[in-house]
C-alpha cells in the first residue's frame, strides 16, 4: 500500500510539471506588448514568428522544455487574445537539452523526497503500533507471582499486593481475598501471628 502511495505521489509531481501552463496567460491580457514579451522571455520562451494583419500584430512564442507554443494577438499595442498549444515535436535551441535534463533531475529529486517522507511516516506509525502492542501484551494476562509472599509480614505483603494492582475484596476470619482486575487473579491469604501463613491463587469466584 505504501509503495502505491509513493508511486502515485511521484506521478502527480511529474504530471503537474508537464500539464500546467508555464505562464498565467490570462493575467497578461490587456498588458503592453513590451511587458508581455519580457514575461515570455523570462519564462524560457523564444519568438518563432511575427507578422501584421491589418491593425493586429501577431507573435508566436515557444518553450522547448514545456513543449508549449503560444500564439498572441496584439491590438493597439496591448495583448488582445492568446492561444496555447502543447506539442510533442522537437522545437529546441542549443540549450534546451540541458534545461530538460535539469528539469528531469529536479522532478526526480522531488519524487525521491516524497518517497523518503512517505517511508519515514510509515515506519514511525508502525513503530508506535508495535510499542502499543507490546505495552498491551505486558499488562494484560501477565499474572503476578504470589508464592513468594508465604511467610512474609502482613504489612509488607499488603504493600506488595497493592503495588501490583490488587485490592482487598472480602475477609473471612483470618483469611482475606485480594482481587486483581488487570490480571483476573484472586489471591486467598491466611494470616497467623502477623505473617502470611498460606498464600494461594484461587478461582475468581472466591473474590466476589
Protein backbone atom coordinates (compact mmCIF):
# COMPACT_ATOMS: atom_id res chain seq x y z
CA UNK A 1 0.00 0.00 0.00
CA UNK A 2 2.80 2.42 0.93
CA UNK A 3 4.60 1.67 -2.36
CA UNK A 4 1.42 2.58 -4.25
CA UNK A 5 1.08 5.87 -2.35
CA UNK A 6 4.68 6.83 -3.13
CA UNK A 7 4.26 5.93 -6.81
CA UNK A 8 1.07 7.97 -7.03
CA UNK A 9 2.80 10.97 -5.42
CA UNK A 10 5.63 10.78 -7.93
CA UNK A 11 3.27 10.59 -10.88
CA UNK A 12 1.36 13.59 -9.57
CA UNK A 13 4.57 15.61 -9.35
CA UNK A 14 5.55 14.73 -12.90
CA UNK A 15 2.07 15.35 -14.27
CA UNK A 16 1.81 18.74 -12.61
CA UNK A 17 5.02 19.89 -14.33
CA UNK A 18 4.12 18.56 -17.75
CA UNK A 19 0.44 19.63 -17.92
CA UNK A 20 0.30 23.02 -16.20
CA UNK A 21 0.88 26.11 -18.35
CA UNK A 22 4.24 27.79 -17.81
CA UNK A 23 2.72 31.27 -17.53
CA UNK A 24 -0.63 32.56 -16.26
CA UNK A 25 -1.57 33.95 -19.66
CA UNK A 26 -4.93 35.30 -18.55
CA UNK A 27 -3.11 37.75 -16.28
CA UNK A 28 -1.28 39.14 -19.34
CA UNK A 29 -4.46 40.05 -21.26
CA UNK A 30 -4.57 43.81 -21.77
CA UNK A 31 -0.88 44.25 -20.96
CA UNK A 32 1.52 46.21 -23.19
CA UNK A 33 3.49 44.38 -25.86
CA UNK A 34 6.84 45.11 -24.21
CA UNK A 35 5.74 43.68 -20.85
CA UNK A 36 4.25 40.57 -22.42
CA UNK A 37 7.43 39.89 -24.41
CA UNK A 38 9.59 40.40 -21.32
CA UNK A 39 7.43 37.96 -19.33
CA UNK A 40 7.62 35.34 -22.06
CA UNK A 41 11.39 35.61 -22.44
CA UNK A 42 11.90 35.48 -18.66
CA UNK A 43 9.95 32.20 -18.57
CA UNK A 44 12.08 30.41 -21.15
CA UNK A 45 10.18 31.24 -24.37
CA UNK A 46 11.66 32.40 -27.63
CA UNK A 47 9.88 34.02 -30.54
CA UNK A 48 9.32 31.81 -33.57
CA UNK A 49 7.34 34.20 -35.81
CA UNK A 50 5.66 37.60 -36.03
CA UNK A 51 3.55 39.39 -38.63
CA UNK A 52 0.97 42.14 -39.06
CA UNK A 53 -2.59 41.60 -40.24
CA UNK A 54 -4.50 44.85 -40.58
CA UNK A 55 -4.47 46.55 -37.20
CA UNK A 56 -3.46 43.33 -35.42
CA UNK A 57 0.10 42.30 -34.64
CA UNK A 58 0.66 38.54 -34.28
CA UNK A 59 3.50 36.89 -32.35
CA UNK A 60 4.20 33.21 -31.71
CA UNK A 61 6.36 32.03 -28.77
CA UNK A 62 7.69 28.57 -27.99
CA UNK A 63 9.07 26.95 -24.82
CA UNK A 64 11.33 23.99 -25.59
CA UNK A 65 11.22 22.49 -22.09
CA UNK A 66 7.44 22.52 -21.73
CA UNK A 67 6.77 21.92 -25.46
CA UNK A 68 4.37 24.84 -25.19
CA UNK A 69 3.50 27.15 -28.11
CA UNK A 70 1.60 30.37 -27.53
CA UNK A 71 0.09 32.46 -30.33
CA UNK A 72 -0.69 36.04 -29.27
CA UNK A 73 -2.67 38.81 -30.96
CA UNK A 74 -1.98 42.45 -30.07
CA UNK A 75 -4.27 45.37 -30.82
CA UNK A 76 -3.23 48.94 -30.19
CA UNK A 77 -0.04 47.72 -28.57
CA UNK A 78 -1.77 45.54 -25.97
CA UNK A 79 -2.47 41.79 -25.74
CA UNK A 80 -5.95 41.13 -27.07
CA UNK A 81 -6.07 37.31 -27.16
CA UNK A 82 -3.87 34.22 -26.92
CA UNK A 83 -3.97 30.55 -27.80
CA UNK A 84 -1.86 27.87 -26.06
CA UNK A 85 -0.86 24.59 -27.72
CA UNK A 86 1.08 21.73 -26.10
CA UNK A 87 3.27 19.99 -28.64
CA UNK A 88 5.35 16.80 -28.79
CA UNK A 89 7.74 17.84 -31.56
CA UNK A 90 11.41 18.72 -31.16
CA UNK A 91 11.48 22.53 -31.42
CA UNK A 92 14.54 23.43 -29.39
CA UNK A 93 17.54 25.70 -29.19
CA UNK A 94 21.08 24.69 -28.31
CA UNK A 95 20.49 24.86 -24.57
CA UNK A 96 17.16 23.03 -24.47
CA UNK A 97 18.59 19.58 -23.80
CA UNK A 98 20.45 20.89 -20.78
CA UNK A 99 17.29 22.55 -19.43
CA UNK A 100 15.29 19.37 -19.94
CA UNK A 101 17.93 17.38 -18.04
CA UNK A 102 17.84 19.89 -15.19
CA UNK A 103 14.05 19.75 -15.03
CA UNK A 104 14.07 15.94 -15.00
CA UNK A 105 16.67 15.97 -12.23
CA UNK A 106 14.51 18.30 -10.15
CA UNK A 107 11.45 16.13 -10.70
CA UNK A 108 13.40 13.02 -9.68
CA UNK A 109 14.59 14.76 -6.52
CA UNK A 110 11.02 15.73 -5.69
CA UNK A 111 9.84 12.15 -6.15
CA UNK A 112 12.70 10.83 -4.00
CA UNK A 113 11.91 13.30 -1.22
CA UNK A 114 8.23 12.36 -1.33
CA UNK A 115 9.13 8.68 -1.18
CA UNK A 116 11.52 9.20 1.74
CA UNK A 117 8.89 11.20 3.63
CA UNK A 118 6.25 8.54 3.00
CA UNK A 119 8.53 5.71 4.13
CA UNK A 120 9.57 7.65 7.24
CA UNK A 121 5.98 8.39 8.26
CA UNK A 122 5.01 4.76 7.65
CA UNK A 123 7.92 3.47 9.76
CA UNK A 124 7.12 5.88 12.59
CA UNK A 125 3.47 4.87 12.60
CA UNK A 126 4.40 1.18 12.54
CA UNK A 127 6.82 1.70 15.45
CA UNK A 128 4.08 3.34 17.52
CA UNK A 129 1.74 0.44 16.74
CA UNK A 130 4.39 -2.06 17.83
CA UNK A 131 5.02 -0.18 21.06
CA UNK A 132 1.31 -0.07 21.80
CA UNK A 133 1.04 -3.78 21.09
CA UNK A 134 3.96 -4.55 23.39
CA UNK A 135 2.51 -2.46 26.19
CA UNK A 136 -0.87 -4.13 25.83
CA UNK A 137 0.63 -7.61 25.95
CA UNK A 138 2.67 -6.71 29.04
CA UNK A 139 -0.31 -5.51 31.09
CA UNK A 140 -2.99 -7.99 30.02
CA UNK A 141 -2.67 -11.59 31.18
CA UNK A 142 0.69 -11.04 32.95
CA UNK A 143 -0.09 -12.79 36.24
CA UNK A 144 1.60 -11.75 39.48
CA UNK A 145 3.72 -14.42 41.20
CA UNK A 146 2.26 -14.85 44.72
CA UNK A 147 4.24 -17.79 46.07
CA UNK A 148 7.00 -15.55 47.44
CA UNK A 149 4.54 -13.92 49.87
CA UNK A 150 4.31 -17.02 52.08
CA UNK A 151 5.95 -16.27 55.45
CA UNK A 152 6.20 -12.51 54.85
CA UNK A 153 4.87 -9.96 57.33
CA UNK A 154 1.26 -8.98 56.72
CA UNK A 155 2.10 -5.27 56.43
CA UNK A 156 4.76 -5.91 53.79
CA UNK A 157 2.53 -8.36 51.94
CA UNK A 158 -0.31 -5.88 51.74
CA UNK A 159 2.04 -3.26 50.34
CA UNK A 160 3.23 -5.74 47.70
CA UNK A 161 -0.33 -6.64 46.71
CA UNK A 162 -1.39 -3.00 46.46
CA UNK A 163 1.63 -2.09 44.36
CA UNK A 164 0.80 -4.91 41.95
CA UNK A 165 -2.80 -3.90 41.36
CA UNK A 166 -4.61 -5.98 43.99
CA UNK A 167 -7.42 -4.65 46.16
CA UNK A 168 -8.97 -6.30 49.21
CA UNK A 169 -12.20 -7.91 48.08
CA UNK A 170 -13.54 -9.57 51.26
CA UNK A 171 -12.46 -11.14 54.56
CA UNK A 172 -13.48 -14.29 56.38
CA UNK A 173 -11.90 -14.56 59.81
CA UNK A 174 -8.11 -14.59 59.34
CA UNK A 175 -8.47 -15.26 55.61
CA UNK A 176 -8.50 -12.35 53.18
CA UNK A 177 -9.30 -12.37 49.48
CA UNK A 178 -7.50 -9.92 47.19
CA UNK A 179 -8.64 -9.28 43.61
CA UNK A 180 -6.56 -8.00 40.68
CA UNK A 181 -8.82 -6.66 37.92
CA UNK A 182 -5.99 -6.34 35.37
CA UNK A 183 -4.82 -9.96 35.59
CA UNK A 184 -8.09 -11.54 36.74
CA UNK A 185 -6.38 -13.09 39.78
CA UNK A 186 -7.94 -13.85 43.13
CA UNK A 187 -5.44 -14.31 45.97
CA UNK A 188 -6.52 -16.24 49.07
CA UNK A 189 -4.29 -15.30 52.02
CA UNK A 190 -4.37 -16.68 55.57
CA UNK A 191 -2.64 -14.73 58.34
CA UNK A 192 -1.13 -16.19 61.51
CA UNK A 193 0.88 -14.27 64.14
CA UNK A 194 1.14 -11.25 61.84
CA UNK A 195 2.55 -13.21 58.90
CA UNK A 196 1.15 -14.74 55.75
CA UNK A 197 0.97 -18.45 56.63
CA UNK A 198 -0.71 -19.58 53.41
CA UNK A 199 -0.97 -17.82 50.02
CA UNK A 200 -2.92 -19.36 47.13
CA UNK A 201 -4.06 -18.28 43.68
CA UNK A 202 -7.73 -19.40 43.71
CA UNK A 203 -10.74 -19.17 41.39
CA UNK A 204 -12.01 -15.67 40.72
CA UNK A 205 -15.43 -16.57 42.17
CA UNK A 206 -13.86 -16.52 45.65
CA UNK A 207 -13.28 -12.78 45.36
CA UNK A 208 -16.90 -11.98 44.60
